[in-house]
């Protein structure tokens, strides 16, 4: 029995919206220590910027994030401040 190699994954370019959003979320790793939580938040924020998702204020409360050293409201404010730089 043999296994197939995993599918190849193309990395998005550094100037793409997706890459910028995930960079913002990765910069919050001191507040969101779990990598899967950061990935889930990044996906939600990407969907929000494309017009398909919830606002960051709602997203941080519904994503079941494990946060440290910051409240969810302050985290949402930081995210909004960073997202406003993208627009």
C-alpha atoms as a PDB file:
ATOM      1  CA  UNK A   1       0.000   0.000   0.000  1.00  0.00           C
ATOM      2  CA  UNK A   2       1.424   3.368  -0.946  1.00  0.00           C
ATOM      3  CA  UNK A   3       0.492   6.893  -0.060  1.00  0.00           C
ATOM      4  CA  UNK A   4       0.330   9.871  -2.317  1.00  0.00           C
ATOM      5  CA  UNK A   5       2.431  12.950  -1.680  1.00  0.00           C
ATOM      6  CA  UNK A   6       0.570  15.889  -0.155  1.00  0.00           C
ATOM      7  CA  UNK A   7      -0.800  18.474  -2.561  1.00  0.00           C
ATOM      8  CA  UNK A   8       1.509  21.337  -3.299  1.00  0.00           C
ATOM      9  CA  UNK A   9       0.525  24.663  -1.819  1.00  0.00           C
ATOM     10  CA  UNK A  10       1.353  27.961  -3.474  1.00  0.00           C
ATOM     11  CA  UNK A  11       2.338  30.728  -1.133  1.00  0.00           C
ATOM     12  CA  UNK A  12       0.455  33.938  -1.812  1.00  0.00           C
ATOM     13  CA  UNK A  13       2.475  36.968  -2.810  1.00  0.00           C
ATOM     14  CA  UNK A  14       3.545  39.340  -0.046  1.00  0.00           C
ATOM     15  CA  UNK A  15       1.466  42.209  -1.412  1.00  0.00           C
ATOM     16  CA  UNK A  16      -1.800  40.231  -1.584  1.00  0.00           C
ATOM     17  CA  UNK A  17      -4.648  41.062   0.780  1.00  0.00           C
ATOM     18  CA  UNK A  18      -4.586  37.569   2.247  1.00  0.00           C
ATOM     19  CA  UNK A  19      -0.894  37.786   3.106  1.00  0.00           C
ATOM     20  CA  UNK A  20      -1.315  41.216   4.693  1.00  0.00           C
ATOM     21  CA  UNK A  21      -4.200  40.031   6.877  1.00  0.00           C
ATOM     22  CA  UNK A  22      -2.312  36.963   8.084  1.00  0.00           C
ATOM     23  CA  UNK A  23       0.733  39.162   8.833  1.00  0.00           C
ATOM     24  CA  UNK A  24      -1.442  41.398  11.012  1.00  0.00           C
ATOM     25  CA  UNK A  25      -2.825  38.401  12.882  1.00  0.00           C
ATOM     26  CA  UNK A  26       0.636  36.888  13.293  1.00  0.00           C
ATOM     27  CA  UNK A  27       1.823  40.152  14.880  1.00  0.00           C
ATOM     28  CA  UNK A  28      -0.730  39.509  17.649  1.00  0.00           C
ATOM     29  CA  UNK A  29       0.842  36.210  18.707  1.00  0.00           C
ATOM     30  CA  UNK A  30       1.682  37.622  22.149  1.00  0.00           C
ATOM     31  CA  UNK A  31      -2.056  38.003  22.755  1.00  0.00           C
ATOM     32  CA  UNK A  32      -3.231  34.930  20.802  1.00  0.00           C
ATOM     33  CA  UNK A  33      -0.716  32.182  21.614  1.00  0.00           C
ATOM     34  CA  UNK A  34      -2.470  29.280  19.855  1.00  0.00           C
ATOM     35  CA  UNK A  35      -1.548  29.058  16.169  1.00  0.00           C
ATOM     36  CA  UNK A  36      -4.882  27.533  15.145  1.00  0.00           C
ATOM     37  CA  UNK A  37      -6.721  30.446  16.786  1.00  0.00           C
ATOM     38  CA  UNK A  38      -4.609  32.888  14.771  1.00  0.00           C
ATOM     39  CA  UNK A  39      -5.329  30.992  11.551  1.00  0.00           C
ATOM     40  CA  UNK A  40      -9.069  30.973  12.283  1.00  0.00           C
ATOM     41  CA  UNK A  41      -9.026  34.697  13.052  1.00  0.00           C
ATOM     42  CA  UNK A  42      -7.006  35.442   9.913  1.00  0.00           C
ATOM     43  CA  UNK A  43      -9.488  33.570   7.751  1.00  0.00           C
ATOM     44  CA  UNK A  44     -12.394  35.430   9.354  1.00  0.00           C
ATOM     45  CA  UNK A  45     -10.740  38.807   8.840  1.00  0.00           C
ATOM     46  CA  UNK A  46      -9.934  37.975   5.228  1.00  0.00           C
ATOM     47  CA  UNK A  47     -13.585  37.104   4.629  1.00  0.00           C
ATOM     48  CA  UNK A  48     -14.596  40.367   6.344  1.00  0.00           C
ATOM     49  CA  UNK A  49     -12.392  42.448   4.067  1.00  0.00           C
ATOM     50  CA  UNK A  50     -13.872  40.688   1.048  1.00  0.00           C
ATOM     51  CA  UNK A  51     -17.354  41.664   2.295  1.00  0.00           C
ATOM     52  CA  UNK A  52     -18.418  38.190   3.342  1.00  0.00           C
ATOM     53  CA  UNK A  53     -17.674  38.054   7.077  1.00  0.00           C
ATOM     54  CA  UNK A  54     -18.370  39.653  10.435  1.00  0.00           C
ATOM     55  CA  UNK A  55     -16.802  42.799  11.863  1.00  0.00           C
ATOM     56  CA  UNK A  56     -13.723  42.286  14.056  1.00  0.00           C
ATOM     57  CA  UNK A  57     -15.733  43.222  17.181  1.00  0.00           C
ATOM     58  CA  UNK A  58     -18.057  40.292  16.555  1.00  0.00           C
ATOM     59  CA  UNK A  59     -15.411  37.987  15.132  1.00  0.00           C
ATOM     60  CA  UNK A  60     -13.134  38.022  18.194  1.00  0.00           C
ATOM     61  CA  UNK A  61     -16.086  37.098  20.415  1.00  0.00           C
ATOM     62  CA  UNK A  62     -17.462  34.317  18.217  1.00  0.00           C
ATOM     63  CA  UNK A  63     -14.155  32.727  17.171  1.00  0.00           C
ATOM     64  CA  UNK A  64     -13.574  31.162  20.616  1.00  0.00           C
ATOM     65  CA  UNK A  65     -10.066  32.594  20.826  1.00  0.00           C
ATOM     66  CA  UNK A  66      -7.790  31.912  23.781  1.00  0.00           C
ATOM     67  CA  UNK A  67      -6.386  35.364  24.528  1.00  0.00           C
ATOM     68  CA  UNK A  68      -3.805  36.400  27.117  1.00  0.00           C
ATOM     69  CA  UNK A  69      -2.955  39.781  28.642  1.00  0.00           C
ATOM     70  CA  UNK A  70      -5.685  41.655  26.746  1.00  0.00           C
ATOM     71  CA  UNK A  71      -9.463  41.911  26.691  1.00  0.00           C
ATOM     72  CA  UNK A  72     -11.458  40.977  23.621  1.00  0.00           C
ATOM     73  CA  UNK A  73     -12.564  44.592  23.184  1.00  0.00           C
ATOM     74  CA  UNK A  74      -8.987  45.882  23.216  1.00  0.00           C
ATOM     75  CA  UNK A  75      -7.970  43.132  20.790  1.00  0.00           C
ATOM     76  CA  UNK A  76     -10.762  44.178  18.420  1.00  0.00           C
ATOM     77  CA  UNK A  77      -9.566  47.799  18.649  1.00  0.00           C
ATOM     78  CA  UNK A  78      -6.000  46.777  17.765  1.00  0.00           C
ATOM     79  CA  UNK A  79      -7.267  44.735  14.812  1.00  0.00           C
ATOM     80  CA  UNK A  80      -9.431  47.603  13.560  1.00  0.00           C
ATOM     81  CA  UNK A  81      -6.492  50.003  13.794  1.00  0.00           C
ATOM     82  CA  UNK A  82      -4.313  47.661  11.716  1.00  0.00           C
ATOM     83  CA  UNK A  83      -7.057  46.948   9.170  1.00  0.00           C
ATOM     84  CA  UNK A  84      -7.677  50.660   8.674  1.00  0.00           C
ATOM     85  CA  UNK A  85      -4.071  50.955   7.477  1.00  0.00           C
ATOM     86  CA  UNK A  86      -4.821  48.444   4.706  1.00  0.00           C
ATOM     87  CA  UNK A  87      -7.754  50.337   3.234  1.00  0.00           C
END
